[in-house]
Amino acid sequence: MPGTISSDLSELAAARKRLAELEADLAIHRRAAELLGEVTSPKAVRSRTRDGL
């Protein structure tokens, strides 16, 4: 990419790799929740953790 320095490119590559890893982890957790029959929305999970449950 014109005008982009190599350190920015390496940071971007690292961020994309981390994002791919997190998306894969999320897919695994969602599938596990489906198999266990406990599919919940992310909002419900966040509100439960704030309430201390």
N, C-alpha and C. Protein backbone atom coordinates (compact mmCIF):
# COMPACT_ATOMS: atom_id res chain seq x y z
N MET A 1 0.85 -1.17 0.00
CA MET A 1 0.00 0.00 0.00
C MET A 1 0.90 1.24 0.00
N PRO A 2 0.67 2.15 -0.89
CA PRO A 2 1.48 3.36 -0.95
C PRO A 2 1.31 4.20 0.30
N GLY A 3 2.40 4.71 0.82
CA GLY A 3 2.37 5.58 1.98
C GLY A 3 2.29 4.88 3.31
N THR A 4 2.28 3.57 3.33
CA THR A 4 2.19 2.82 4.58
C THR A 4 3.58 2.32 4.95
N ILE A 5 3.95 2.57 6.21
CA ILE A 5 5.28 2.12 6.63
C ILE A 5 5.22 0.66 7.06
N SER A 6 6.39 0.03 7.04
CA SER A 6 6.43 -1.41 7.30
C SER A 6 5.96 -1.77 8.70
N SER A 7 6.21 -0.91 9.68
CA SER A 7 5.75 -1.22 11.04
C SER A 7 4.22 -1.22 11.10
N ASP A 8 3.59 -0.31 10.34
CA ASP A 8 2.13 -0.30 10.27
C ASP A 8 1.62 -1.58 9.61
N LEU A 9 2.29 -2.01 8.57
CA LEU A 9 1.88 -3.23 7.88
C LEU A 9 2.01 -4.44 8.78
N SER A 10 3.09 -4.50 9.56
CA SER A 10 3.26 -5.65 10.45
C SER A 10 2.22 -5.62 11.57
N GLU A 11 1.88 -4.43 12.08
CA GLU A 11 0.83 -4.32 13.09
C GLU A 11 -0.52 -4.75 12.53
N LEU A 12 -0.79 -4.32 11.29
CA LEU A 12 -2.03 -4.69 10.65
C LEU A 12 -2.11 -6.20 10.43
N ALA A 13 -1.03 -6.79 10.01
CA ALA A 13 -1.01 -8.24 9.81
C ALA A 13 -1.23 -8.98 11.13
N ALA A 14 -0.59 -8.48 12.20
CA ALA A 14 -0.76 -9.10 13.51
C ALA A 14 -2.20 -8.95 13.99
N ALA A 15 -2.80 -7.79 13.76
CA ALA A 15 -4.18 -7.56 14.17
C ALA A 15 -5.13 -8.47 13.40
N ARG A 16 -4.89 -8.62 12.10
CA ARG A 16 -5.74 -9.51 11.30
C ARG A 16 -5.62 -10.95 11.75
N LYS A 17 -4.41 -11.36 12.10
CA LYS A 17 -4.20 -12.73 12.58
C LYS A 17 -4.93 -12.95 13.90
N ARG A 18 -4.83 -11.98 14.80
CA ARG A 18 -5.49 -12.08 16.10
C ARG A 18 -7.01 -12.10 15.93
N LEU A 19 -7.51 -11.28 15.03
CA LEU A 19 -8.94 -11.26 14.76
C LEU A 19 -9.42 -12.61 14.25
N ALA A 20 -8.66 -13.20 13.36
CA ALA A 20 -9.02 -14.52 12.83
C ALA A 20 -9.04 -15.56 13.96
N GLU A 21 -8.07 -15.48 14.87
CA GLU A 21 -8.03 -16.40 16.00
C GLU A 21 -9.24 -16.22 16.90
N LEU A 22 -9.59 -14.96 17.18
CA LEU A 22 -10.73 -14.68 18.04
C LEU A 22 -12.04 -15.13 17.39
N GLU A 23 -12.16 -14.93 16.08
CA GLU A 23 -13.35 -15.37 15.38
C GLU A 23 -13.46 -16.89 15.40
N ALA A 24 -12.35 -17.59 15.28
CA ALA A 24 -12.36 -19.05 15.35
C ALA A 24 -12.76 -19.51 16.75
N ASP A 25 -12.22 -18.86 17.78
CA ASP A 25 -12.59 -19.19 19.16
C ASP A 25 -14.07 -18.97 19.39
N LEU A 26 -14.58 -17.85 18.90
CA LEU A 26 -16.00 -17.54 19.06
C LEU A 26 -16.87 -18.58 18.38
N ALA A 27 -16.48 -19.00 17.19
CA ALA A 27 -17.24 -20.03 16.48
C ALA A 27 -17.26 -21.33 17.27
N ILE A 28 -16.15 -21.67 17.87
CA ILE A 28 -16.07 -22.89 18.68
C ILE A 28 -17.00 -22.79 19.89
N HIS A 29 -16.97 -21.65 20.56
CA HIS A 29 -17.82 -21.47 21.74
C HIS A 29 -19.29 -21.46 21.38
N ARG A 30 -19.62 -20.81 20.27
CA ARG A 30 -21.02 -20.80 19.84
C ARG A 30 -21.50 -22.21 19.52
N ARG A 31 -20.67 -22.98 18.84
CA ARG A 31 -21.05 -24.36 18.49
C ARG A 31 -21.21 -25.20 19.76
N ALA A 32 -20.31 -25.02 20.71
CA ALA A 32 -20.41 -25.77 21.96
C ALA A 32 -21.70 -25.40 22.69
N ALA A 33 -22.04 -24.12 22.70
CA ALA A 33 -23.27 -23.69 23.35
C ALA A 33 -24.48 -24.29 22.66
N GLU A 34 -24.45 -24.34 21.33
CA GLU A 34 -25.55 -24.96 20.59
C GLU A 34 -25.70 -26.43 20.98
N LEU A 35 -24.58 -27.12 21.05
CA LEU A 35 -24.62 -28.53 21.38
C LEU A 35 -25.12 -28.76 22.80
N LEU A 36 -24.85 -27.83 23.67
CA LEU A 36 -25.31 -27.96 25.05
C LEU A 36 -26.71 -27.41 25.25
N GLY A 37 -27.27 -26.78 24.22
CA GLY A 37 -28.62 -26.25 24.31
C GLY A 37 -28.72 -24.99 25.12
N GLU A 38 -27.62 -24.26 25.23
CA GLU A 38 -27.63 -23.04 26.03
C GLU A 38 -27.23 -21.83 25.19
N VAL A 39 -27.86 -21.65 24.07
CA VAL A 39 -27.54 -20.52 23.21
C VAL A 39 -28.16 -19.27 23.82
N THR A 40 -27.30 -18.29 24.11
CA THR A 40 -27.77 -17.03 24.68
C THR A 40 -27.19 -15.88 23.88
N SER A 41 -27.81 -14.73 23.98
CA SER A 41 -27.30 -13.56 23.27
C SER A 41 -26.13 -12.97 24.06
N PRO A 42 -25.19 -12.32 23.38
CA PRO A 42 -24.06 -11.69 24.08
C PRO A 42 -24.53 -10.65 25.10
N LYS A 43 -25.63 -9.95 24.82
CA LYS A 43 -26.14 -8.96 25.77
C LYS A 43 -26.57 -9.62 27.06
N ALA A 44 -27.19 -10.77 26.98
CA ALA A 44 -27.62 -11.48 28.18
C ALA A 44 -26.43 -11.90 29.01
N VAL A 45 -25.38 -12.34 28.37
CA VAL A 45 -24.17 -12.76 29.08
C VAL A 45 -23.54 -11.57 29.77
N ARG A 46 -23.44 -10.43 29.06
CA ARG A 46 -22.84 -9.24 29.66
C ARG A 46 -23.64 -8.75 30.86
N SER A 47 -24.94 -8.73 30.77
CA SER A 47 -25.76 -8.23 31.88
C SER A 47 -25.66 -9.16 33.09
N ARG A 48 -25.55 -10.48 32.85
CA ARG A 48 -25.41 -11.41 33.97
C ARG A 48 -24.08 -11.21 34.66
N THR A 49 -23.01 -10.96 33.93
CA THR A 49 -21.70 -10.79 34.58
C THR A 49 -21.65 -9.49 35.35
N ARG A 50 -22.33 -8.45 34.88
CA ARG A 50 -22.37 -7.19 35.61
C ARG A 50 -23.16 -7.33 36.90
N ASP A 51 -24.18 -8.17 36.89
CA ASP A 51 -25.02 -8.36 38.06
C ASP A 51 -24.37 -9.30 39.07
N GLY A 52 -23.25 -9.89 38.71
CA GLY A 52 -22.55 -10.78 39.62
C GLY A 52 -23.06 -12.18 39.64
N LEU A 53 -23.81 -12.56 38.62
CA LEU A 53 -24.35 -13.92 38.58
C LEU A 53 -23.40 -14.86 37.91
